[in-house]
Protein backbone atom coordinates (compact mmCIF):
# COMPACT_ATOMS: atom_id res chain seq x y z
CA MET A 1 100.14 -85.95 32.71
CA GLY A 2 99.06 -82.41 32.17
CA LYS A 3 95.06 -83.35 31.32
CA GLY A 4 92.59 -82.60 34.02
CA ASN A 5 93.33 -83.73 37.40
CA ALA A 6 96.65 -84.89 38.26
CA ASN A 7 97.42 -88.67 38.75
CA TYR A 8 99.93 -88.96 41.58
CA ALA A 9 100.39 -92.39 41.51
CA ALA A 10 101.59 -91.67 38.05
CA VAL A 11 104.33 -89.67 39.01
CA HIS A 12 105.44 -92.22 41.22
CA GLY A 13 105.25 -94.99 38.39
CA MET A 14 107.72 -92.49 36.06
CA ILE A 15 109.97 -91.66 38.89
CA LYS A 16 110.48 -95.53 39.19
CA LYS A 17 111.01 -95.99 35.70
CA GLU A 18 113.51 -93.11 35.35
CA PHE A 19 115.53 -93.93 38.40
CA LYS A 20 114.96 -97.73 38.21
CA ALA A 21 114.09 -97.12 42.30
CA SER A 22 110.91 -96.88 44.38
CA THR A 23 110.27 -92.60 44.79
CA PHE A 24 111.17 -93.48 48.59
CA GLN A 25 114.35 -95.33 47.85
CA ILE A 26 115.94 -93.17 45.90
CA PRO A 27 119.99 -92.71 46.64
CA ILE A 28 120.82 -88.94 48.22
CA GLU A 29 123.37 -89.03 45.63
CA GLN A 30 120.97 -88.62 42.94
CA PHE A 31 118.58 -85.96 44.84
CA GLN A 32 119.81 -83.54 42.15
CA SER A 33 118.99 -85.18 39.59
CA LEU A 34 115.33 -86.30 40.66
CA SER A 35 114.86 -82.36 41.61
CA PHE A 36 116.26 -81.62 37.65
CA TYR A 37 113.78 -84.26 36.13
CA LEU A 38 110.53 -83.07 38.58
CA GLN A 39 111.10 -79.54 37.35
CA LYS A 40 111.65 -80.70 33.64
CA ARG A 41 108.41 -82.39 34.29
CA ILE A 42 106.49 -79.54 36.11
CA GLY A 43 107.53 -76.88 32.70
CA GLU A 44 106.22 -79.58 30.32
CA THR A 45 102.77 -79.29 31.56
CA LYS A 46 99.75 -76.78 30.75
CA LEU A 47 100.17 -75.11 33.90
CA GLY A 48 103.71 -75.01 33.72
CA ARG A 49 103.81 -73.38 30.23
CA ILE A 50 101.30 -70.84 31.14
CA ASN A 51 102.98 -69.85 34.33
CA LYS A 52 105.93 -69.62 32.75
CA SER A 53 104.65 -67.52 29.96
CA LYS A 54 103.54 -64.86 32.68
CA GLY A 55 106.94 -64.78 34.35
CA LEU A 56 105.52 -66.99 37.25
CA LYS A 57 108.02 -69.21 39.47
CA LEU A 58 107.13 -72.82 38.98
CA PHE A 59 108.85 -74.27 42.35
CA GLN A 60 111.77 -72.52 44.48
CA HIS A 61 115.22 -73.90 45.46
CA PHE A 62 115.66 -76.62 47.93
CA LYS A 63 117.72 -74.77 49.89
CA ASN A 64 114.96 -71.73 50.40
CA PHE A 65 112.68 -74.02 51.50
CA VAL A 66 114.65 -75.43 53.94
CA ILE A 67 115.43 -71.71 55.36
CA ILE A 68 111.83 -70.90 55.00
CA ASN A 69 110.45 -74.17 56.71
CA SER A 70 113.55 -74.31 59.41
CA GLU A 71 112.27 -70.88 60.23
CA ILE A 72 108.76 -71.99 60.96
CA TYR A 73 109.71 -74.59 62.84
CA ILE A 74 112.00 -72.99 65.40
CA LEU A 75 108.94 -70.53 65.71
CA TYR A 76 106.68 -73.35 66.90
CA PHE A 77 109.11 -74.95 68.88
CA ALA A 78 110.29 -71.96 70.66
CA ALA A 79 106.56 -71.21 71.25
CA ILE A 80 105.82 -74.49 72.73
CA LEU A 81 108.80 -74.13 75.00
CA THR A 82 107.64 -70.77 76.21
CA ASN A 83 103.99 -72.37 77.26
CA ARG A 84 105.53 -75.15 78.96
């Protein structure tokens, strides 16, 4: 990883090696550990180091992601219901 195009299959392999489980089989109790692991790996990439040196955010907190996306889904479903 880190050079050229990203190899997304390799990400699953690294997660499986680190957590001894398939990406989609990791228990919810390990979600925070998985998040920290991924943040560390992202920060170690060339693009991650460049963006960090520029003061750019590499990722957002999961709580913010849920809040932003739940608002989008609420608006989406509200539009669907009002158009019936």
